[in-house]
Amino acid sequence: MSFRTIKDVYQEAIIEDFKSLIYFIEWLVYEQKAATMEHDHRNIDYLLNKYGPRLNPYIGAYKAKVEGQVVPETLGKIEGEGNNRERG
């Protein structure tokens, strides 16, 4: 499959049941508003390469939120890169 947009990647992730990628895209688009579904799919690679494992706690907190689990308060805060706002 040839991807053009983040939406293309998201739809394929749903078909293939790639939960971590689904959560990452949703977090990126809906929580952080760092991209839209219409952005080029290469934005995903860029962000993963730039921030890599540092994203794991935030994606984990988003997953817990979506699944209705209790999220430790420390996971709801984004730090670094000049972005010190609280997420809820």
Protein backbone atom coordinates (compact mmCIF):
# COMPACT_ATOMS: atom_id res chain seq x y z
CA MET A 1 0.00 0.00 0.00
CA SER A 2 1.17 3.47 -0.83
CA PHE A 3 0.71 6.01 1.96
CA ARG A 4 0.23 9.69 1.31
CA THR A 5 -1.36 11.03 4.47
CA ILE A 6 -1.47 10.23 8.15
CA LYS A 7 -5.07 9.16 7.55
CA ASP A 8 -3.84 6.47 5.13
CA VAL A 9 -1.47 5.11 7.78
CA TYR A 10 -4.21 5.29 10.42
CA GLN A 11 -6.67 3.34 8.28
CA GLU A 12 -4.08 0.65 7.57
CA ALA A 13 -3.21 0.47 11.28
CA ILE A 14 -6.89 -0.17 12.02
CA ILE A 15 -7.09 -2.89 9.36
CA GLU A 16 -3.92 -4.58 10.65
CA ASP A 17 -4.86 -3.97 14.32
CA PHE A 18 -1.62 -2.11 15.16
CA LYS A 19 -2.85 -0.71 18.47
CA SER A 20 0.30 1.21 19.37
CA LEU A 21 0.31 3.01 16.02
CA ILE A 22 -3.41 3.78 16.31
CA TYR A 23 -2.90 5.28 19.77
CA PHE A 24 0.16 7.23 18.62
CA ILE A 25 -1.69 8.79 15.68
CA GLU A 26 -4.75 9.62 17.77
CA TRP A 27 -2.57 11.16 20.48
CA LEU A 28 -0.60 13.15 17.92
CA VAL A 29 -3.68 14.43 16.07
CA TYR A 30 -6.33 14.80 18.76
CA GLU A 31 -4.44 15.34 22.02
CA GLN A 32 -1.32 17.21 20.95
CA LYS A 33 -2.75 18.73 17.77
CA ALA A 34 0.75 18.45 16.33
CA ALA A 35 -0.57 17.16 13.00
CA THR A 36 -3.79 16.54 11.14
CA MET A 37 -5.01 13.43 9.37
CA GLU A 38 -4.32 15.25 6.10
CA HIS A 39 -0.62 15.85 6.81
CA ASP A 40 2.02 13.88 4.96
CA HIS A 41 2.62 10.44 6.46
CA ARG A 42 6.34 11.22 6.83
CA ASN A 43 5.49 13.44 9.81
CA ILE A 44 5.00 10.25 11.81
CA ASP A 45 8.51 9.02 10.99
CA TYR A 46 9.97 12.42 11.76
CA LEU A 47 8.37 12.60 15.21
CA LEU A 48 9.25 9.01 16.07
CA ASN A 49 12.87 9.56 15.04
CA LYS A 50 13.11 12.86 16.90
CA TYR A 51 11.40 11.91 20.16
CA GLY A 52 11.41 8.09 20.09
CA PRO A 53 11.13 6.43 23.50
CA ARG A 54 10.41 9.75 25.25
CA LEU A 55 6.88 9.50 23.82
CA ASN A 56 6.10 6.17 25.51
CA PRO A 57 4.77 7.59 28.81
CA TYR A 58 2.47 9.98 26.95
CA ILE A 59 1.16 7.33 24.59
CA GLY A 60 0.67 5.01 27.58
CA ALA A 61 -1.30 7.69 29.41
CA TYR A 62 -3.42 8.33 26.32
CA LYS A 63 -4.09 4.60 25.93
CA ALA A 64 -5.15 4.36 29.57
CA LYS A 65 -7.42 7.38 29.13
CA VAL A 66 -9.07 5.88 26.05
CA GLU A 67 -9.51 2.52 27.76
CA GLY A 68 -10.98 4.17 30.87
CA GLN A 69 -8.09 3.33 33.18
CA VAL A 70 -6.83 5.57 35.96
CA VAL A 71 -3.87 7.63 34.78
CA PRO A 72 -1.19 8.67 37.29
CA GLU A 73 -1.13 12.47 37.43
CA THR A 74 2.57 12.65 36.53
CA LEU A 75 1.83 11.08 33.14
CA GLY A 76 -0.61 13.85 32.29
CA LYS A 77 2.12 16.48 32.03
CA ILE A 78 4.17 17.19 28.96
CA GLU A 79 7.65 18.51 29.61
CA GLY A 80 10.55 19.60 27.47
CA GLU A 81 10.83 21.26 24.08
CA GLY A 82 9.37 24.45 25.59
CA ASN A 83 5.99 22.83 26.12
CA ASN A 84 5.16 22.77 29.83
CA ARG A 85 1.40 22.70 29.73
CA GLU A 86 -0.77 20.28 31.62
CA ARG A 87 -2.87 17.73 29.80
CA GLY A 88 -6.08 16.38 31.21
